[in-house]
Amino acid sequence: MIVKIAFLVLFFAIMILVGVASRKHATNVNDFVLGGRAVGPWLTAFAYGTSYFSAVVFVGYAGQFGYKYGLSATWIGIGNAVIGSLLAWIVLGRRTRVMSKHLTASTMPDYFGKRYDSNALRIAASAISFIFLIPYTASVYNGLSRLFGMAFDIPYSVCVIAMAALTCVYVVLGGYMATAINDFIQGIIMLGGIVAVIAAVLNGQGGFYEAVRELAEIESDIPLTMGQKGAFTSFFGPDLPNLLGVVVLTSLGTWGLPQMVHKFYAIKDEKSIKSGTIISTFFAIVVSGGCYFLGGFGRLFDTEAIYAENGSIIYDAIVPSMLSTLPDILVGVVVVLVLSASMSTLSSLVLTSSSTLTLDFIKGNIVKNMDEKKQLLCMRIMLVFFIVVSVVIAMDPPTFIAQLMGISWGALAGAFLAPFLYGLYWKGVTKASVWASFAVGVGITVANMFWKFIASPINAGAIAMVAGLVVVPVVSLVTPKMKKETVDECFTCLDETVVVHRKTSIEE
């Protein structure tokens, strides 16, 4: 217990010190929200990766999909690395940085408002972000409850409040820069921790080959496989269609999430884009690939602890069950690992939520004249507000909110991905097509909550994203075009000549 508590105290102390040291980087709105658009490759790449992978992935998704698909769940991690990290940086990184600076856009709703010359779109995007980021923020705490119950005698509520308070302190003090530096530290913990945990868990099963052999002996309970053995160690697993749905949602979804795209707004220069692409991809392979690979062995830990009273599987209990036999020092590492994953995602979400609500909804709409100091104060107040609300929800999440948390990625990415992506590359996108994408993305995922016309909410989210990619170009072809001079002005930044065209480099 002393070892585990020592890990936590050291971890908390470092987070606070970083917040205090970063105060000088949060003296104006640009610095508080974007780190002055001068954040280097390592900080940006780790901020991207740690915001991507929270305790929801390590405890919830790894347990659930590892149990369902066996070792083929590792494809989810590979998809996250290739589509969610590598391609996202290549396709979105440079253009997002160039165009967001040219439009002086600090948030994704702000980008929509200025790119499509519509304050109504900005307000609508801000409202969608607010509605679906709050429950997603609350979900970040969920992965902690069982781990802390396993490792400590501390009540879950105390853990949640302490984690929220600590995150609140360093983000309020240092803004984006404090978040990025702490994300880097937390990312290092996540990289080392996941490797150590995988090695320890497999060693407890007699090594990698013995663990795979035991997993291959388990008969599949999925109807398509007709009960044969070896399904959970096969290349594509027992249920390829649903596996692909998870890959699409968790990989392509990052392209349309405000807290993820926000990282590209803040990156420093061309060199940082290139280095960050490599670093971010490596991080995703190790952390996400490692989490799902570990979860793939979940069926070897078939104990009473993972079953509810009615006999159903408690997916959130699978990974804690796997870890319960580890030595104390490794349990301490795991607790800090999950705390790192949770706090990095939490800080990113609350910073995105507070800045969006302040800059895109309150400023200019509710409060007409809002100077720099008032904006900073409002963002800090909203930041505290978002954390308090997320804690309240996390303490006793109602069924509706629990469902909403599961579809938040689908709703956000379904609404935002297509108009954001097309808006960076194509001048022909119309305002009507953006409204259509908002309606389709939110409509499919929310309607499916009540009528369940798509069996899996994961697949519903994936379909919402793909639908947006089809709807935007189709609607754009049949609806009135934007003014040519307005659109041309948005794209002039890409043709501005420095040493090369802006579409190739973001060097000053």
Protein backbone atom coordinates (compact mmCIF):
# COMPACT_ATOMS: atom_id res chain seq x y z
CA MET A 1 0.00 0.00 0.00
CA ILE A 2 2.88 2.36 0.81
CA VAL A 3 4.37 1.80 -2.66
CA LYS A 4 1.05 2.48 -4.39
CA ILE A 5 0.34 5.62 -2.37
CA ALA A 6 3.91 6.87 -2.98
CA PHE A 7 3.34 6.54 -6.75
CA LEU A 8 0.14 8.58 -6.50
CA VAL A 9 1.64 11.34 -4.33
CA LEU A 10 4.63 11.75 -6.68
CA PHE A 11 2.33 11.75 -9.72
CA PHE A 12 0.02 14.40 -8.23
CA ALA A 13 2.94 16.59 -7.14
CA ILE A 14 4.43 16.63 -10.65
CA MET A 15 1.08 17.57 -12.22
CA ILE A 16 0.65 20.54 -9.86
CA LEU A 17 4.22 21.75 -10.40
CA VAL A 18 3.73 21.70 -14.17
CA GLY A 19 0.55 23.77 -13.81
CA VAL A 20 2.31 26.37 -11.67
CA ALA A 21 5.32 26.51 -14.02
CA SER A 22 3.05 26.94 -17.07
CA ARG A 23 1.22 30.04 -15.81
CA LYS A 24 3.39 32.32 -17.96
CA HIS A 25 2.04 30.51 -21.06
CA ALA A 26 -1.59 31.34 -20.22
CA THR A 27 -1.71 35.12 -20.08
CA ASN A 28 -3.95 35.65 -23.13
CA VAL A 29 -6.62 33.73 -25.04
CA ASN A 30 -4.31 32.53 -27.81
CA ASP A 31 -1.79 31.16 -25.30
CA PHE A 32 -4.42 29.67 -22.98
CA VAL A 33 -6.30 27.84 -25.75
CA LEU A 34 -3.53 27.13 -28.29
CA GLY A 35 -0.22 27.51 -26.48
CA GLY A 36 0.58 30.43 -28.78
CA ARG A 37 0.50 28.06 -31.79
CA ALA A 38 4.11 27.22 -30.88
CA VAL A 39 3.89 23.70 -29.44
CA GLY A 40 6.60 21.29 -30.62
CA PRO A 41 6.24 17.79 -32.11
CA TRP A 42 6.76 15.70 -28.98
CA LEU A 43 4.28 17.63 -26.86
CA THR A 44 1.71 17.77 -29.68
CA ALA A 45 2.05 14.10 -30.60
CA PHE A 46 1.76 12.95 -26.99
CA ALA A 47 -1.13 15.36 -26.36
CA TYR A 48 -2.90 13.84 -29.37
CA GLY A 49 -2.23 10.27 -28.26
CA THR A 50 -3.10 10.70 -24.60
CA SER A 51 -6.32 12.54 -25.48
CA TYR A 52 -7.14 9.65 -27.82
CA PHE A 53 -6.68 6.79 -25.35
CA SER A 54 -8.31 7.07 -21.93
CA ALA A 55 -9.33 4.62 -19.22
CA VAL A 56 -12.38 3.91 -21.40
CA VAL A 57 -10.03 2.19 -23.87
CA PHE A 58 -7.75 0.49 -21.34
CA VAL A 59 -10.47 -0.87 -19.05
CA GLY A 60 -13.75 -0.76 -21.00
CA TYR A 61 -13.07 -1.23 -24.71
CA ALA A 62 -10.05 -3.52 -24.29
CA GLY A 63 -12.05 -5.77 -21.98
CA GLN A 64 -15.23 -5.75 -24.06
CA PHE A 65 -13.79 -6.17 -27.53
CA GLY A 66 -10.91 -8.38 -26.41
CA TYR A 67 -13.47 -10.74 -24.88
CA LYS A 68 -15.68 -10.66 -27.97
CA TYR A 69 -13.04 -10.90 -30.71
CA GLY A 70 -9.98 -12.44 -29.04
CA LEU A 71 -6.56 -11.56 -30.43
CA SER A 72 -8.14 -10.10 -33.58
CA ALA A 73 -9.11 -7.12 -31.39
CA THR A 74 -5.51 -6.03 -31.97
CA TRP A 75 -6.74 -4.85 -35.41
CA ILE A 76 -8.60 -2.08 -33.58
CA GLY A 77 -5.29 -0.82 -32.22
CA ILE A 78 -3.67 -1.10 -35.66
CA GLY A 79 -6.58 0.85 -37.17
CA ASN A 80 -6.21 3.51 -34.47
CA ALA A 81 -2.51 3.85 -35.36
CA VAL A 82 -2.84 3.85 -39.16
CA ILE A 83 -6.17 5.64 -39.70
CA GLY A 84 -6.67 7.50 -36.43
CA SER A 85 -3.08 8.74 -36.12
CA LEU A 86 -0.91 8.39 -39.24
CA LEU A 87 -3.49 9.32 -41.88
CA ALA A 88 -5.13 11.92 -39.63
CA TRP A 89 -1.82 13.77 -39.31
CA ILE A 90 -1.01 13.44 -43.02
CA VAL A 91 -4.45 14.50 -44.30
CA LEU A 92 -5.50 17.04 -41.66
CA GLY A 93 -2.39 18.24 -39.85
CA ARG A 94 -0.80 20.82 -42.15
CA ARG A 95 -3.98 22.21 -43.72
CA THR A 96 -5.71 22.53 -40.36
CA ARG A 97 -2.79 24.52 -38.96
CA VAL A 98 -2.52 26.81 -42.01
CA MET A 99 -6.23 27.49 -42.50
CA SER A 100 -7.14 27.82 -38.82
CA LYS A 101 -4.42 30.45 -38.37
CA HIS A 102 -5.48 32.29 -41.54
CA LEU A 103 -9.10 32.36 -40.36
CA THR A 104 -7.98 33.13 -36.76
CA ALA A 105 -10.07 30.15 -35.66
CA SER A 106 -9.32 28.78 -32.18
CA THR A 107 -11.91 26.00 -32.05
CA MET A 108 -13.72 23.68 -34.45
CA PRO A 109 -17.05 25.59 -34.21
CA ASP A 110 -15.10 28.80 -34.84
CA TYR A 111 -13.64 27.19 -37.97
CA PHE A 112 -17.12 26.27 -39.22
CA GLY A 113 -18.39 29.78 -38.59
CA LYS A 114 -15.54 31.47 -40.49
CA ARG A 115 -14.98 28.89 -43.23
CA TYR A 116 -18.68 28.85 -44.14
CA ASP A 117 -19.37 32.49 -43.23
CA SER A 118 -22.19 31.59 -40.83
CA ASN A 119 -22.54 32.48 -37.17
CA ALA A 120 -25.53 30.14 -36.96
CA LEU A 121 -23.32 27.19 -37.93
CA ARG A 122 -20.80 28.21 -35.29
CA ILE A 123 -23.50 28.32 -32.60
CA ALA A 124 -24.97 24.97 -33.71
CA ALA A 125 -21.52 23.30 -33.71
CA SER A 126 -20.86 24.74 -30.26
CA ALA A 127 -24.16 23.35 -28.96
CA ILE A 128 -23.43 19.88 -30.40
CA SER A 129 -19.97 19.94 -28.80
CA PHE A 130 -21.42 20.98 -25.44
CA ILE A 131 -24.14 18.32 -25.45
CA PHE A 132 -21.92 15.39 -26.42
CA LEU A 133 -18.62 16.29 -24.74
CA ILE A 134 -20.12 16.53 -21.23
CA PRO A 135 -21.26 12.88 -20.99
CA TYR A 136 -18.06 11.75 -22.73
CA THR A 137 -16.12 13.66 -20.07
CA ALA A 138 -18.06 11.84 -17.34
CA SER A 139 -17.29 8.47 -18.93
CA VAL A 140 -13.57 9.03 -18.46
CA TYR A 141 -13.94 8.36 -14.72
CA ASN A 142 -15.66 5.01 -15.19
CA GLY A 143 -12.54 2.97 -15.84
CA LEU A 144 -11.14 3.99 -12.46
CA SER A 145 -13.82 2.61 -10.15
CA ARG A 146 -12.97 -1.09 -10.31
CA LEU A 147 -9.21 -0.55 -10.43
CA PHE A 148 -9.28 1.61 -7.31
CA GLY A 149 -11.57 -0.88 -5.62
CA MET A 150 -8.97 -3.57 -6.39
CA ALA A 151 -5.91 -1.55 -5.36
CA PHE A 152 -7.08 0.67 -2.48
CA ASP A 153 -9.64 0.90 0.26
CA ILE A 154 -10.35 4.46 -0.88
CA PRO A 155 -13.99 5.05 -1.94
CA TYR A 156 -14.49 5.62 -5.66
CA SER A 157 -16.10 9.01 -4.98
CA VAL A 158 -12.96 10.26 -3.22
CA CYS A 159 -10.83 9.13 -6.15
CA VAL A 160 -13.06 10.89 -8.69
CA ILE A 161 -13.13 14.16 -6.75
CA ALA A 162 -9.35 14.12 -6.22
CA MET A 163 -8.65 13.43 -9.88
CA ALA A 164 -11.08 16.11 -11.03
CA ALA A 165 -9.71 18.69 -8.60
CA LEU A 166 -6.11 18.01 -9.63
CA THR A 167 -6.95 18.25 -13.33
CA CYS A 168 -8.88 21.45 -12.69
CA VAL A 169 -5.93 23.06 -10.88
CA TYR A 170 -3.29 22.52 -13.54
CA VAL A 171 -5.55 23.32 -16.52
CA VAL A 172 -6.90 26.50 -14.90
CA LEU A 173 -3.36 27.61 -14.05
CA GLY A 174 -1.50 26.74 -17.25
CA GLY A 175 -4.11 26.20 -19.98
CA TYR A 176 -3.09 24.31 -23.10
CA MET A 177 0.64 24.35 -22.38
CA ALA A 178 0.20 22.78 -18.92
CA THR A 179 -2.06 20.18 -20.50
CA ALA A 180 0.48 19.40 -23.23
CA ILE A 181 3.43 19.06 -20.83
CA ASN A 182 1.47 16.87 -18.45
CA ASP A 183 0.21 14.82 -21.40
CA PHE A 184 3.84 14.18 -22.34
CA ILE A 185 4.67 12.96 -18.82
CA GLN A 186 1.49 10.90 -18.68
CA GLY A 187 2.23 9.47 -22.13
CA ILE A 188 5.63 8.21 -20.99
CA ILE A 189 3.92 6.47 -18.07
CA MET A 190 1.37 4.92 -20.44
CA LEU A 191 4.04 3.62 -22.83
CA GLY A 192 6.12 2.01 -20.10
CA GLY A 193 3.13 0.82 -18.12
CA ILE A 194 1.36 -1.03 -20.92
CA VAL A 195 4.54 -2.91 -21.91
CA ALA A 196 5.19 -3.93 -18.29
CA VAL A 197 1.59 -5.04 -17.73
CA ILE A 198 1.43 -7.16 -20.90
CA ALA A 199 4.69 -8.89 -19.99
CA ALA A 200 3.50 -9.58 -16.43
CA VAL A 201 0.05 -10.86 -17.43
CA LEU A 202 1.41 -13.21 -20.11
CA ASN A 203 4.13 -14.42 -17.76
CA GLY A 204 1.41 -15.33 -15.27
CA GLN A 205 -0.18 -17.55 -17.95
CA GLY A 206 3.05 -19.43 -18.64
CA GLY A 207 4.30 -17.11 -21.38
CA PHE A 208 3.01 -15.95 -24.76
CA TYR A 209 2.90 -19.33 -26.52
CA GLU A 210 1.17 -21.08 -23.62
CA ALA A 211 -1.40 -18.26 -23.33
CA VAL A 212 -2.18 -18.46 -27.07
CA ARG A 213 -2.45 -22.27 -26.88
CA GLU A 214 -4.95 -22.02 -23.99
CA LEU A 215 -6.94 -19.34 -25.82
CA ALA A 216 -7.08 -21.53 -28.94
CA GLU A 217 -8.74 -24.31 -26.93
CA ILE A 218 -11.73 -22.16 -26.01
CA GLU A 219 -14.87 -22.82 -28.07
CA SER A 220 -16.51 -19.77 -29.62
CA ASP A 221 -19.96 -18.80 -28.34
CA ILE A 222 -20.68 -16.60 -31.39
CA PRO A 223 -23.30 -18.22 -33.71
CA LEU A 224 -21.39 -17.49 -36.94
CA THR A 225 -18.47 -19.66 -35.82
CA MET A 226 -20.67 -22.65 -34.92
CA GLY A 227 -18.73 -23.29 -31.73
CA GLN A 228 -15.40 -24.23 -33.27
CA LYS A 229 -12.14 -23.85 -31.37
CA GLY A 230 -9.42 -21.42 -32.39
CA ALA A 231 -11.75 -18.56 -33.35
CA PHE A 232 -10.27 -16.28 -30.70
CA THR A 233 -6.74 -16.73 -32.01
CA SER A 234 -7.64 -16.49 -35.72
CA PHE A 235 -6.47 -13.66 -37.99
CA PHE A 236 -9.81 -11.85 -38.29
CA GLY A 237 -11.55 -13.38 -35.26
CA PRO A 238 -15.07 -14.74 -34.87
CA ASP A 239 -17.07 -11.67 -35.96
CA LEU A 240 -15.34 -9.65 -38.70
CA PRO A 241 -18.27 -7.32 -39.69
CA ASN A 242 -18.73 -5.96 -36.16
CA LEU A 243 -14.96 -5.80 -35.67
CA LEU A 244 -14.74 -3.52 -38.71
CA GLY A 245 -17.44 -1.29 -37.23
CA VAL A 246 -15.33 -0.79 -34.11
CA VAL A 247 -12.24 -0.05 -36.21
CA VAL A 248 -14.09 2.61 -38.23
CA LEU A 249 -15.67 4.32 -35.21
CA THR A 250 -12.53 4.41 -33.04
CA SER A 251 -10.13 5.26 -35.90
CA LEU A 252 -11.93 7.50 -38.39
CA GLY A 253 -13.84 9.13 -35.55
CA THR A 254 -10.79 11.10 -34.39
CA TRP A 255 -10.90 13.12 -37.63
CA GLY A 256 -14.11 14.81 -36.48
CA LEU A 257 -13.61 15.14 -32.72
CA PRO A 258 -13.04 18.77 -31.60
CA GLN A 259 -10.58 17.87 -28.83
CA MET A 260 -8.43 15.84 -31.25
CA VAL A 261 -8.35 18.23 -34.22
CA HIS A 262 -7.61 21.06 -31.78
CA LYS A 263 -4.06 19.68 -31.41
CA PHE A 264 -3.27 20.57 -35.04
CA TYR A 265 -4.26 24.21 -34.44
CA ALA A 266 -1.45 24.60 -31.90
CA ILE A 267 1.51 22.88 -33.59
CA LYS A 268 4.60 24.98 -34.17
CA ASP A 269 6.06 24.43 -37.66
CA GLU A 270 6.57 22.13 -40.65
CA LYS A 271 9.25 20.07 -38.96
CA SER A 272 6.93 19.50 -36.02
CA ILE A 273 4.22 18.18 -38.35
CA LYS A 274 6.58 15.60 -39.87
CA SER A 275 8.10 14.49 -36.56
CA GLY A 276 4.73 14.53 -34.80
CA THR A 277 3.24 12.20 -37.40
CA ILE A 278 5.85 9.53 -36.67
CA ILE A 279 5.76 9.96 -32.89
CA SER A 280 1.95 9.91 -32.71
CA THR A 281 1.73 6.75 -34.85
CA PHE A 282 4.31 4.95 -32.72
CA PHE A 283 2.46 5.97 -29.55
CA ALA A 284 -0.83 4.60 -30.92
CA ILE A 285 0.72 1.28 -31.96
CA VAL A 286 2.18 0.68 -28.50
CA VAL A 287 -0.67 2.00 -26.33
CA SER A 288 -3.78 1.15 -28.32
CA GLY A 289 -2.35 -1.98 -29.94
CA GLY A 290 -1.08 -3.07 -26.53
CA CYS A 291 -4.42 -2.46 -24.79
CA TYR A 292 -6.46 -4.47 -27.29
CA PHE A 293 -3.80 -7.19 -27.52
CA LEU A 294 -3.92 -7.54 -23.73
CA GLY A 295 -7.73 -7.58 -23.77
CA GLY A 296 -7.61 -10.40 -26.33
CA PHE A 297 -6.55 -12.78 -23.55
CA GLY A 298 -9.56 -11.83 -21.40
CA ARG A 299 -11.26 -15.22 -21.72
CA LEU A 300 -8.36 -16.86 -19.87
CA PHE A 301 -9.51 -14.98 -16.77
CA ASP A 302 -13.02 -16.41 -16.59
CA THR A 303 -13.76 -15.92 -12.90
CA GLU A 304 -16.87 -15.10 -10.88
CA ALA A 305 -15.72 -11.48 -10.65
CA ILE A 306 -16.62 -10.80 -14.30
CA TYR A 307 -20.24 -12.03 -14.04
CA ALA A 308 -23.29 -10.11 -12.89
CA GLU A 309 -26.03 -11.76 -10.80
CA ASN A 310 -28.08 -12.50 -13.92
CA GLY A 311 -25.13 -14.30 -15.53
CA SER A 312 -24.22 -11.55 -18.02
CA ILE A 313 -20.60 -10.48 -18.56
CA ILE A 314 -19.38 -7.30 -16.82
CA TYR A 315 -16.92 -6.13 -19.46
CA ASP A 316 -15.44 -3.41 -17.24
CA ALA A 317 -14.43 -6.12 -14.74
CA ILE A 318 -12.35 -8.18 -17.20
CA VAL A 319 -9.15 -6.11 -17.25
CA PRO A 320 -9.17 -5.48 -13.45
CA SER A 321 -9.58 -9.25 -13.01
CA MET A 322 -6.54 -9.81 -15.22
CA LEU A 323 -4.52 -7.35 -13.14
CA SER A 324 -5.64 -8.44 -9.67
CA THR A 325 -2.89 -11.08 -9.35
CA LEU A 326 -0.03 -8.72 -10.22
CA PRO A 327 2.60 -7.70 -7.63
CA ASP A 328 1.87 -4.51 -5.66
CA ILE A 329 4.46 -2.45 -7.50
CA LEU A 330 2.87 -3.34 -10.87
CA VAL A 331 -0.60 -2.61 -9.52
CA GLY A 332 0.75 0.81 -8.54
CA VAL A 333 2.06 1.27 -12.08
CA VAL A 334 -1.32 0.26 -13.51
CA VAL A 335 -3.20 2.69 -11.27
CA VAL A 336 -0.92 5.56 -12.31
CA LEU A 337 -1.20 4.40 -15.95
CA VAL A 338 -5.01 4.55 -15.87
CA LEU A 339 -4.94 7.84 -13.97
CA SER A 340 -2.62 9.22 -16.65
CA ALA A 341 -4.88 8.03 -19.44
CA SER A 342 -7.95 9.45 -17.71
CA MET A 343 -6.53 12.83 -16.68
CA SER A 344 -4.97 13.55 -20.06
CA THR A 345 -8.26 12.91 -21.83
CA LEU A 346 -10.23 14.78 -19.16
CA SER A 347 -8.02 17.88 -19.39
CA SER A 348 -8.34 17.92 -23.18
CA LEU A 349 -12.11 17.56 -23.07
CA VAL A 350 -12.75 20.26 -20.46
CA LEU A 351 -10.38 22.71 -22.16
CA THR A 352 -12.14 22.13 -25.48
CA SER A 353 -15.60 22.42 -23.90
CA SER A 354 -14.87 25.60 -21.95
CA SER A 355 -13.13 27.37 -24.84
CA THR A 356 -15.90 26.42 -27.30
CA LEU A 357 -18.68 27.59 -25.00
CA THR A 358 -16.89 30.86 -24.19
CA LEU A 359 -15.52 31.83 -27.61
CA ASP A 360 -18.25 30.43 -29.87
CA PHE A 361 -21.43 30.73 -27.83
CA ILE A 362 -21.11 33.37 -25.08
CA LYS A 363 -18.75 35.85 -26.78
CA GLY A 364 -20.57 38.01 -29.33
CA ASN A 365 -23.94 36.31 -28.78
CA ILE A 366 -24.73 36.59 -25.07
CA VAL A 367 -21.98 39.04 -24.09
CA LYS A 368 -21.43 41.46 -26.98
CA ASN A 369 -18.26 43.15 -25.77
CA MET A 370 -15.85 40.68 -24.19
CA ASP A 371 -12.24 41.77 -23.80
CA GLU A 372 -9.25 39.46 -23.36
CA LYS A 373 -9.38 39.37 -19.55
CA LYS A 374 -13.10 38.60 -19.49
CA GLN A 375 -12.65 35.79 -22.02
CA LEU A 376 -9.88 34.21 -19.93
CA LEU A 377 -11.93 34.52 -16.75
CA CYS A 378 -15.01 33.07 -18.43
CA MET A 379 -13.04 30.10 -19.83
CA ARG A 380 -11.62 29.33 -16.41
CA ILE A 381 -15.08 29.53 -14.81
CA MET A 382 -16.57 27.31 -17.52
CA LEU A 383 -13.69 24.87 -17.09
CA VAL A 384 -14.50 24.47 -13.40
CA PHE A 385 -18.20 24.18 -14.28
CA PHE A 386 -17.58 21.37 -16.80
CA ILE A 387 -15.48 19.40 -14.33
CA VAL A 388 -18.08 19.76 -11.57
CA VAL A 389 -20.89 18.60 -13.89
CA SER A 390 -18.82 15.63 -15.10
CA VAL A 391 -18.12 14.61 -11.48
CA VAL A 392 -21.82 14.80 -10.60
CA ILE A 393 -22.71 12.61 -13.58
CA ALA A 394 -19.86 10.16 -12.89
CA MET A 395 -20.98 9.66 -9.28
CA ASP A 396 -24.36 8.23 -10.30
CA PRO A 397 -24.70 7.96 -14.09
CA PRO A 398 -28.33 7.38 -15.16
CA THR A 399 -29.05 4.84 -17.89
CA PHE A 400 -29.76 7.51 -20.49
CA ILE A 401 -26.43 9.22 -19.86
CA ALA A 402 -24.62 5.89 -19.98
CA GLN A 403 -26.11 5.29 -23.43
CA LEU A 404 -25.29 8.83 -24.48
CA MET A 405 -21.65 8.34 -23.51
CA GLY A 406 -21.46 5.34 -25.81
CA ILE A 407 -22.68 7.27 -28.83
CA SER A 408 -20.93 10.61 -28.25
CA TRP A 409 -18.09 9.75 -30.62
CA GLY A 410 -20.53 8.75 -33.33
CA ALA A 411 -22.62 11.91 -32.94
CA LEU A 412 -19.66 14.31 -32.83
CA ALA A 413 -17.66 12.72 -35.63
CA GLY A 414 -20.78 11.98 -37.68
CA ALA A 415 -21.73 15.67 -37.58
CA PHE A 416 -18.29 17.28 -37.92
CA LEU A 417 -15.96 14.97 -39.85
CA ALA A 418 -17.27 15.49 -43.38
CA PRO A 419 -17.71 19.31 -43.39
CA PHE A 420 -14.36 19.77 -41.64
CA LEU A 421 -12.43 17.47 -44.00
CA TYR A 422 -14.08 18.64 -47.23
CA GLY A 423 -13.83 22.25 -46.08
CA LEU A 424 -10.04 22.00 -45.98
CA TYR A 425 -9.74 20.71 -49.57
CA TRP A 426 -12.83 21.61 -51.61
CA LYS A 427 -14.19 25.07 -52.38
CA GLY A 428 -17.55 23.65 -53.47
CA VAL A 429 -18.89 22.77 -50.00
CA THR A 430 -22.14 24.64 -49.29
CA LYS A 431 -23.73 25.83 -46.06
CA ALA A 432 -26.73 23.58 -46.67
CA SER A 433 -24.47 20.51 -46.86
CA VAL A 434 -22.91 21.37 -43.49
CA TRP A 435 -26.37 21.64 -41.91
CA ALA A 436 -27.26 18.33 -43.55
CA SER A 437 -24.15 16.68 -42.09
CA PHE A 438 -24.99 18.01 -38.61
CA ALA A 439 -28.52 16.65 -38.93
CA VAL A 440 -27.47 13.25 -40.28
CA GLY A 441 -24.64 12.69 -37.78
CA VAL A 442 -26.63 13.61 -34.69
CA GLY A 443 -29.89 12.24 -36.09
CA ILE A 444 -28.68 8.71 -36.86
CA THR A 445 -26.90 8.20 -33.56
CA VAL A 446 -29.56 9.74 -31.32
CA ALA A 447 -32.49 8.11 -33.15
CA ASN A 448 -30.75 4.76 -32.82
CA MET A 449 -30.67 5.22 -29.05
CA PHE A 450 -34.46 5.11 -28.92
CA TRP A 451 -35.48 2.87 -31.83
CA LYS A 452 -32.35 0.68 -32.15
CA PHE A 453 -32.75 0.13 -35.89
CA ILE A 454 -29.01 -0.62 -35.95
CA ALA A 455 -28.26 -3.35 -33.40
CA SER A 456 -24.86 -2.04 -32.34
CA PRO A 457 -24.42 1.61 -31.27
CA ILE A 458 -20.80 1.26 -32.41
CA ASN A 459 -21.94 0.41 -35.93
CA ALA A 460 -24.50 3.24 -35.78
CA GLY A 461 -21.69 5.71 -35.09
CA ALA A 462 -19.59 4.30 -37.92
CA ILE A 463 -22.54 4.52 -40.33
CA ALA A 464 -23.19 8.14 -39.25
CA MET A 465 -19.61 9.07 -40.18
CA VAL A 466 -19.73 7.36 -43.56
CA ALA A 467 -23.17 8.90 -44.23
CA GLY A 468 -21.76 12.39 -43.64
CA LEU A 469 -18.96 11.75 -46.14
CA VAL A 470 -21.64 10.95 -48.76
CA VAL A 471 -24.21 13.59 -47.79
CA VAL A 472 -21.89 16.63 -47.92
CA PRO A 473 -20.77 16.29 -51.58
CA VAL A 474 -24.23 15.21 -52.77
CA VAL A 475 -26.04 18.12 -51.07
CA SER A 476 -23.30 20.54 -52.15
CA LEU A 477 -23.93 19.68 -55.80
CA VAL A 478 -27.62 20.61 -55.64
CA THR A 479 -27.69 23.57 -53.24
CA PRO A 480 -26.67 27.24 -53.73
CA LYS A 481 -22.93 27.90 -53.73
CA MET A 482 -21.20 30.28 -51.36
CA LYS A 483 -19.90 33.59 -52.69
CA LYS A 484 -16.78 32.95 -54.75
CA GLU A 485 -14.81 35.81 -53.22
CA THR A 486 -15.58 34.57 -49.69
CA VAL A 487 -14.40 31.05 -50.44
CA ASP A 488 -11.35 32.23 -52.37
CA GLU A 489 -10.31 34.35 -49.40
CA CYS A 490 -10.38 31.25 -47.16
CA PHE A 491 -8.04 29.39 -49.52
CA THR A 492 -5.57 32.21 -50.28
CA CYS A 493 -3.42 31.03 -47.36
CA LEU A 494 -2.69 27.76 -49.16
CA ASP A 495 -1.27 29.56 -52.21
CA GLU A 496 0.72 32.17 -50.32
CA THR A 497 4.35 31.80 -51.34
CA VAL A 498 7.01 31.46 -48.68
CA VAL A 499 9.84 29.16 -49.68
CA VAL A 500 7.18 26.78 -51.01
CA HIS A 501 3.39 26.96 -51.15
CA ARG A 502 1.46 26.99 -47.89
CA LYS A 503 -0.27 23.80 -49.00
CA THR A 504 3.12 22.11 -48.65
CA SER A 505 4.68 23.91 -45.66
CA ILE A 506 3.61 25.94 -42.65
CA GLU A 507 7.01 27.54 -42.02
CA GLU A 508 6.85 31.27 -41.22
